[in-house]
Every structure is written in structure tokens, then in C-alpha cells.
Amino acid sequence: MNMFDEARALRGTLEMCGITQGEMARRLGVSQSYIANKLRLLNHCENMQKKILDSGISERHARALLRLRDEGVREAALDRVCREKMNVAECEALVDLLYCSEAPSTVGKAERLKRIDAF
């Protein structure tokens, strides 16, 4: 079972049983943040989920990429992470650079994609 299958199973159980993340965490003997972090993975679109699984990056890499709101920038960042075999800290640094550089309204998508290559 991969990270996305686990997240879908958790979401399905939450919905079917009508319990909170906190209650599920207590029953499973894990923290509520563990449940929340698993569920956050489902914010990746299906295409990104497939690319993430095919790339073999870790769950921490996948969560770090979620900070990037623009799907195109997120996908380009994933490609760079894979191409350069970045560890989690390097991936997070790339995401920080892309996320914090400027407000999305003042920088176009093409410019954000250039920054990925410049990093």
C-alpha cells in the first residue's frame, strides 16, 4: 500500500465512521498530526500522485511540495527534485525559495518556472 492509498483509506474510514481525526488517531495509537499529514497528501492531483509514486520520492518530499499552490510550478519542482536526486532538506529549500520569493500576483508563472531552473 502506497502513501496515497493509506491516505484514501484513512479518509474513507473517517467519512464512513463519522469520527474526527483526533478520535481516529487515538484509536490507531498515532498523533492527530500524523493523520492530518497523511490526508494532506490527497491535495496532490491524480497526475502528481502518479508522478510522485513513479519517482520514488518520500512522503516528506511529497508534503513539502504541497506548499506550492501552482500545479505547474509544483510539477516543475518535482521534476527538479528527481533530476537532481534532492534530499528532503534540499527539496524544502527549493520550495522555500519558490514560495517565499514574491507574491504570486506580482510574478507570472513563466518567471516562477525560471526560478526553479535558477535554484
N, C-alpha and C. Protein backbone atom coordinates (compact mmCIF):
# COMPACT_ATOMS: atom_id res chain seq x y z
N MET A 1 0.85 -1.18 0.00
CA MET A 1 0.00 0.00 0.00
C MET A 1 0.90 1.24 0.00
N ASN A 2 0.66 2.15 -0.94
CA ASN A 2 1.49 3.35 -1.01
C ASN A 2 0.89 4.48 -0.15
N MET A 3 1.62 5.59 -0.07
CA MET A 3 1.21 6.70 0.80
C MET A 3 -0.17 7.26 0.44
N PHE A 4 -0.51 7.27 -0.84
CA PHE A 4 -1.80 7.80 -1.26
C PHE A 4 -2.93 6.81 -0.97
N ASP A 5 -2.64 5.52 -1.12
CA ASP A 5 -3.63 4.50 -0.75
C ASP A 5 -3.94 4.59 0.74
N GLU A 6 -2.91 4.77 1.55
CA GLU A 6 -3.11 4.91 3.00
C GLU A 6 -3.98 6.12 3.30
N ALA A 7 -3.67 7.23 2.65
CA ALA A 7 -4.44 8.46 2.88
C ALA A 7 -5.90 8.28 2.47
N ARG A 8 -6.12 7.64 1.33
CA ARG A 8 -7.50 7.40 0.88
C ARG A 8 -8.24 6.48 1.85
N ALA A 9 -7.55 5.48 2.38
CA ALA A 9 -8.16 4.57 3.35
C ALA A 9 -8.53 5.31 4.63
N LEU A 10 -7.65 6.18 5.08
CA LEU A 10 -7.94 6.96 6.28
C LEU A 10 -9.14 7.88 6.04
N ARG A 11 -9.13 8.56 4.90
CA ARG A 11 -10.25 9.46 4.58
C ARG A 11 -11.56 8.69 4.51
N GLY A 12 -11.54 7.54 3.86
CA GLY A 12 -12.75 6.73 3.75
C GLY A 12 -13.27 6.29 5.11
N THR A 13 -12.37 5.90 5.98
CA THR A 13 -12.76 5.47 7.32
C THR A 13 -13.33 6.63 8.11
N LEU A 14 -12.69 7.80 8.01
CA LEU A 14 -13.21 8.98 8.70
C LEU A 14 -14.63 9.29 8.26
N GLU A 15 -14.85 9.25 6.94
CA GLU A 15 -16.17 9.57 6.41
C GLU A 15 -17.20 8.51 6.77
N MET A 16 -16.81 7.25 6.65
CA MET A 16 -17.74 6.15 6.91
C MET A 16 -18.13 6.09 8.39
N CYS A 17 -17.16 6.29 9.27
CA CYS A 17 -17.43 6.18 10.71
C CYS A 17 -17.89 7.49 11.33
N GLY A 18 -17.71 8.58 10.60
CA GLY A 18 -18.12 9.87 11.13
C GLY A 18 -17.35 10.28 12.37
N ILE A 19 -16.06 9.97 12.39
CA ILE A 19 -15.24 10.33 13.54
C ILE A 19 -14.27 11.44 13.16
N THR A 20 -13.69 12.06 14.16
CA THR A 20 -12.72 13.13 13.92
C THR A 20 -11.33 12.54 13.71
N GLN A 21 -10.44 13.37 13.20
CA GLN A 21 -9.04 12.95 13.07
C GLN A 21 -8.46 12.60 14.43
N GLY A 22 -8.82 13.37 15.44
CA GLY A 22 -8.32 13.11 16.78
C GLY A 22 -8.77 11.76 17.31
N GLU A 23 -10.04 11.43 17.08
CA GLU A 23 -10.56 10.14 17.53
C GLU A 23 -9.89 9.00 16.78
N MET A 24 -9.72 9.17 15.48
CA MET A 24 -9.04 8.13 14.70
C MET A 24 -7.61 7.94 15.20
N ALA A 25 -6.94 9.04 15.46
CA ALA A 25 -5.56 8.97 15.94
C ALA A 25 -5.49 8.20 17.26
N ARG A 26 -6.42 8.51 18.16
CA ARG A 26 -6.45 7.82 19.46
C ARG A 26 -6.64 6.33 19.27
N ARG A 27 -7.57 5.95 18.39
CA ARG A 27 -7.84 4.53 18.15
C ARG A 27 -6.66 3.81 17.50
N LEU A 28 -5.93 4.52 16.66
CA LEU A 28 -4.79 3.89 15.97
C LEU A 28 -3.49 4.01 16.76
N GLY A 29 -3.50 4.81 17.81
CA GLY A 29 -2.29 4.98 18.61
C GLY A 29 -1.25 5.86 17.93
N VAL A 30 -1.73 6.84 17.15
CA VAL A 30 -0.84 7.78 16.49
C VAL A 30 -1.30 9.19 16.84
N SER A 31 -0.53 10.19 16.44
CA SER A 31 -0.91 11.57 16.71
C SER A 31 -1.93 12.06 15.68
N GLN A 32 -2.66 13.09 16.07
CA GLN A 32 -3.62 13.70 15.14
C GLN A 32 -2.87 14.30 13.96
N SER A 33 -1.67 14.84 14.19
CA SER A 33 -0.91 15.43 13.09
C SER A 33 -0.47 14.37 12.09
N TYR A 34 -0.25 13.15 12.55
CA TYR A 34 0.07 12.04 11.63
C TYR A 34 -1.09 11.84 10.65
N ILE A 35 -2.31 11.82 11.18
CA ILE A 35 -3.50 11.65 10.34
C ILE A 35 -3.63 12.83 9.39
N ALA A 36 -3.49 14.04 9.92
CA ALA A 36 -3.63 15.24 9.09
C ALA A 36 -2.60 15.27 7.97
N ASN A 37 -1.36 14.91 8.29
CA ASN A 37 -0.31 14.90 7.27
C ASN A 37 -0.58 13.87 6.18
N LYS A 38 -1.08 12.71 6.57
CA LYS A 38 -1.45 11.70 5.56
C LYS A 38 -2.54 12.24 4.65
N LEU A 39 -3.56 12.84 5.23
CA LEU A 39 -4.69 13.35 4.45
C LEU A 39 -4.27 14.49 3.52
N ARG A 40 -3.31 15.30 3.95
CA ARG A 40 -2.83 16.41 3.11
C ARG A 40 -2.27 15.91 1.79
N LEU A 41 -1.73 14.71 1.77
CA LEU A 41 -1.17 14.16 0.53
C LEU A 41 -2.21 14.11 -0.59
N LEU A 42 -3.46 13.98 -0.21
CA LEU A 42 -4.53 13.90 -1.21
C LEU A 42 -4.80 15.23 -1.89
N ASN A 43 -4.13 16.30 -1.44
CA ASN A 43 -4.25 17.59 -2.12
C ASN A 43 -3.46 17.62 -3.42
N HIS A 44 -2.60 16.62 -3.63
CA HIS A 44 -1.94 16.49 -4.93
C HIS A 44 -2.96 15.95 -5.92
N CYS A 45 -2.96 16.48 -7.14
CA CYS A 45 -3.87 15.96 -8.17
C CYS A 45 -3.44 14.54 -8.54
N GLU A 46 -4.32 13.82 -9.20
CA GLU A 46 -4.03 12.42 -9.58
C GLU A 46 -2.74 12.30 -10.39
N ASN A 47 -2.53 13.23 -11.32
CA ASN A 47 -1.33 13.20 -12.15
C ASN A 47 -0.07 13.33 -11.30
N MET A 48 -0.09 14.26 -10.34
CA MET A 48 1.07 14.44 -9.46
C MET A 48 1.26 13.21 -8.56
N GLN A 49 0.17 12.63 -8.09
CA GLN A 49 0.29 11.44 -7.26
C GLN A 49 1.01 10.34 -8.03
N LYS A 50 0.64 10.16 -9.28
CA LYS A 50 1.29 9.14 -10.10
C LYS A 50 2.77 9.46 -10.30
N LYS A 51 3.07 10.72 -10.61
CA LYS A 51 4.47 11.12 -10.81
C LYS A 51 5.29 10.92 -9.54
N ILE A 52 4.69 11.24 -8.40
CA ILE A 52 5.39 11.07 -7.12
C ILE A 52 5.68 9.60 -6.87
N LEU A 53 4.70 8.75 -7.10
CA LEU A 53 4.91 7.31 -6.90
C LEU A 53 5.95 6.77 -7.87
N ASP A 54 5.87 7.18 -9.13
CA ASP A 54 6.83 6.72 -10.13
C ASP A 54 8.25 7.18 -9.82
N SER A 55 8.37 8.35 -9.21
CA SER A 55 9.69 8.91 -8.93
C SER A 55 10.37 8.25 -7.73
N GLY A 56 9.56 7.72 -6.82
CA GLY A 56 10.12 7.08 -5.64
C GLY A 56 10.51 8.04 -4.53
N ILE A 57 10.11 9.31 -4.63
CA ILE A 57 10.45 10.24 -3.55
C ILE A 57 9.66 9.89 -2.30
N SER A 58 10.10 10.42 -1.18
CA SER A 58 9.48 10.08 0.09
C SER A 58 8.21 10.89 0.35
N GLU A 59 7.49 10.47 1.35
CA GLU A 59 6.29 11.18 1.77
C GLU A 59 6.63 12.59 2.23
N ARG A 60 7.77 12.76 2.87
CA ARG A 60 8.18 14.10 3.30
C ARG A 60 8.44 15.01 2.11
N HIS A 61 9.05 14.48 1.05
CA HIS A 61 9.22 15.26 -0.18
C HIS A 61 7.85 15.69 -0.70
N ALA A 62 6.94 14.73 -0.77
CA ALA A 62 5.60 15.00 -1.32
C ALA A 62 4.87 16.06 -0.51
N ARG A 63 4.98 16.02 0.81
CA ARG A 63 4.33 17.03 1.64
C ARG A 63 4.97 18.40 1.45
N ALA A 64 6.29 18.43 1.31
CA ALA A 64 6.98 19.71 1.11
C ALA A 64 6.49 20.39 -0.17
N LEU A 65 6.29 19.62 -1.21
CA LEU A 65 5.84 20.17 -2.49
C LEU A 65 4.44 20.77 -2.41
N LEU A 66 3.65 20.34 -1.44
CA LEU A 66 2.29 20.85 -1.31
C LEU A 66 2.24 22.34 -0.98
N ARG A 67 3.31 22.88 -0.47
CA ARG A 67 3.32 24.32 -0.17
C ARG A 67 3.21 25.16 -1.43
N LEU A 68 3.58 24.58 -2.57
CA LEU A 68 3.49 25.30 -3.84
C LEU A 68 2.08 25.19 -4.37
N ARG A 69 1.40 26.30 -4.50
CA ARG A 69 -0.01 26.28 -4.89
C ARG A 69 -0.21 26.03 -6.37
N ASP A 70 0.67 26.55 -7.20
CA ASP A 70 0.53 26.42 -8.64
C ASP A 70 0.96 25.02 -9.08
N GLU A 71 0.05 24.30 -9.72
CA GLU A 71 0.33 22.91 -10.14
C GLU A 71 1.52 22.83 -11.09
N GLY A 72 1.63 23.78 -12.01
CA GLY A 72 2.75 23.77 -12.96
C GLY A 72 4.08 23.95 -12.27
N VAL A 73 4.13 24.86 -11.32
CA VAL A 73 5.36 25.09 -10.55
C VAL A 73 5.66 23.87 -9.69
N ARG A 74 4.63 23.30 -9.10
CA ARG A 74 4.80 22.10 -8.27
C ARG A 74 5.37 20.95 -9.10
N GLU A 75 4.84 20.77 -10.30
CA GLU A 75 5.31 19.69 -11.17
C GLU A 75 6.75 19.93 -11.62
N ALA A 76 7.07 21.19 -11.95
CA ALA A 76 8.44 21.51 -12.34
C ALA A 76 9.40 21.30 -11.18
N ALA A 77 8.96 21.64 -9.97
CA ALA A 77 9.80 21.42 -8.79
C ALA A 77 10.03 19.93 -8.57
N LEU A 78 8.98 19.13 -8.74
CA LEU A 78 9.12 17.68 -8.61
C LEU A 78 10.14 17.15 -9.62
N ASP A 79 10.05 17.61 -10.85
CA ASP A 79 11.00 17.18 -11.88
C ASP A 79 12.43 17.51 -11.46
N ARG A 80 12.62 18.71 -10.92
CA ARG A 80 13.96 19.13 -10.49
C ARG A 80 14.44 18.29 -9.31
N VAL A 81 13.57 18.06 -8.35
CA VAL A 81 13.92 17.24 -7.18
C VAL A 81 14.39 15.85 -7.63
N CYS A 82 13.67 15.28 -8.58
CA CYS A 82 14.01 13.94 -9.08
C CYS A 82 15.29 13.96 -9.90
N ARG A 83 15.40 14.92 -10.79
CA ARG A 83 16.56 15.01 -11.67
C ARG A 83 17.85 15.16 -10.87
N GLU A 84 17.79 15.97 -9.81
CA GLU A 84 18.98 16.24 -9.01
C GLU A 84 19.08 15.35 -7.77
N LYS A 85 18.14 14.41 -7.65
CA LYS A 85 18.14 13.48 -6.52
C LYS A 85 18.28 14.23 -5.18
N MET A 86 17.44 15.24 -5.01
CA MET A 86 17.49 16.07 -3.81
C MET A 86 17.01 15.30 -2.59
N ASN A 87 17.67 15.55 -1.47
CA ASN A 87 17.17 15.01 -0.22
C ASN A 87 16.04 15.92 0.27
N VAL A 88 15.43 15.58 1.38
CA VAL A 88 14.28 16.34 1.86
C VAL A 88 14.66 17.79 2.17
N ALA A 89 15.80 18.00 2.81
CA ALA A 89 16.22 19.36 3.15
C ALA A 89 16.41 20.20 1.90
N GLU A 90 17.00 19.63 0.87
CA GLU A 90 17.20 20.35 -0.39
C GLU A 90 15.86 20.64 -1.06
N CYS A 91 14.96 19.69 -1.01
CA CYS A 91 13.62 19.87 -1.57
C CYS A 91 12.91 21.01 -0.84
N GLU A 92 12.98 21.01 0.48
CA GLU A 92 12.34 22.06 1.27
C GLU A 92 12.95 23.42 0.97
N ALA A 93 14.27 23.47 0.76
CA ALA A 93 14.93 24.74 0.43
C ALA A 93 14.44 25.26 -0.92
N LEU A 94 14.29 24.37 -1.89
CA LEU A 94 13.76 24.76 -3.19
C LEU A 94 12.34 25.29 -3.05
N VAL A 95 11.52 24.59 -2.30
CA VAL A 95 10.13 25.02 -2.09
C VAL A 95 10.11 26.37 -1.37
N ASP A 96 10.95 26.55 -0.36
CA ASP A 96 11.02 27.84 0.34
C ASP A 96 11.36 28.97 -0.62
N LEU A 97 12.33 28.73 -1.47
CA LEU A 97 12.74 29.75 -2.43
C LEU A 97 11.58 30.12 -3.35
N LEU A 98 10.91 29.12 -3.86
CA LEU A 98 9.80 29.37 -4.79
C LEU A 98 8.60 29.99 -4.09
N TYR A 99 8.34 29.56 -2.88
CA TYR A 99 7.17 30.02 -2.14
C TYR A 99 7.34 31.43 -1.60
N CYS A 100 8.53 31.73 -1.10
CA CYS A 100 8.75 32.98 -0.38
C CYS A 100 9.30 34.11 -1.25
N SER A 101 9.68 33.83 -2.47
CA SER A 101 10.38 34.84 -3.25
C SER A 101 9.56 36.10 -3.50
N GLU A 102 8.35 35.95 -4.02
CA GLU A 102 7.47 37.10 -4.25
C GLU A 102 6.03 36.64 -4.26
N ALA A 103 5.14 37.57 -4.07
CA ALA A 103 3.71 37.25 -4.10
C ALA A 103 3.34 36.75 -5.49
N PRO A 104 2.50 35.72 -5.58
CA PRO A 104 2.11 35.17 -6.88
C PRO A 104 1.50 36.20 -7.82
N SER A 105 0.84 37.20 -7.28
CA SER A 105 0.19 38.18 -8.15
C SER A 105 1.18 39.07 -8.87
N THR A 106 2.41 39.19 -8.35
CA THR A 106 3.39 40.07 -8.98
C THR A 106 4.37 39.31 -9.86
N VAL A 107 4.35 38.01 -9.81
CA VAL A 107 5.28 37.21 -10.60
C VAL A 107 4.47 36.22 -11.43
N GLY A 108 4.71 36.23 -12.71
CA GLY A 108 4.00 35.31 -13.60
C GLY A 108 4.50 33.89 -13.48
N LYS A 109 3.71 32.97 -14.00
CA LYS A 109 4.06 31.55 -13.95
C LYS A 109 5.39 31.29 -14.65
N ALA A 110 5.62 31.91 -15.80
CA ALA A 110 6.87 31.70 -16.53
C ALA A 110 8.07 32.10 -15.68
N GLU A 111 7.94 33.20 -14.95
CA GLU A 111 9.05 33.65 -14.09
C GLU A 111 9.28 32.67 -12.94
N ARG A 112 8.21 32.15 -12.35
CA ARG A 112 8.37 31.18 -11.27
C ARG A 112 9.04 29.92 -11.78
N LEU A 113 8.70 29.49 -12.99
CA LEU A 113 9.34 28.31 -13.57
C LEU A 113 10.82 28.56 -13.83
N LYS A 114 11.17 29.79 -14.23
CA LYS A 114 12.58 30.13 -14.44
C LYS A 114 13.35 30.02 -13.13
N ARG A 115 12.71 30.42 -12.03
CA ARG A 115 13.37 30.37 -10.73
C ARG A 115 13.70 28.94 -10.31
N ILE A 116 12.88 28.02 -10.72
CA ILE A 116 13.16 26.62 -10.40
C ILE A 116 14.47 26.22 -11.04
N ASP A 117 14.66 26.60 -12.30
CA ASP A 117 15.89 26.26 -13.00
C ASP A 117 17.09 27.02 -12.46
N ALA A 118 16.85 28.24 -11.94
CA ALA A 118 17.95 29.06 -11.43
C ALA A 118 18.41 28.61 -10.05
N PHE A 119 17.57 27.89 -9.34
CA PHE A 119 17.92 27.48 -7.97
C PHE A 119 19.11 26.57 -7.95
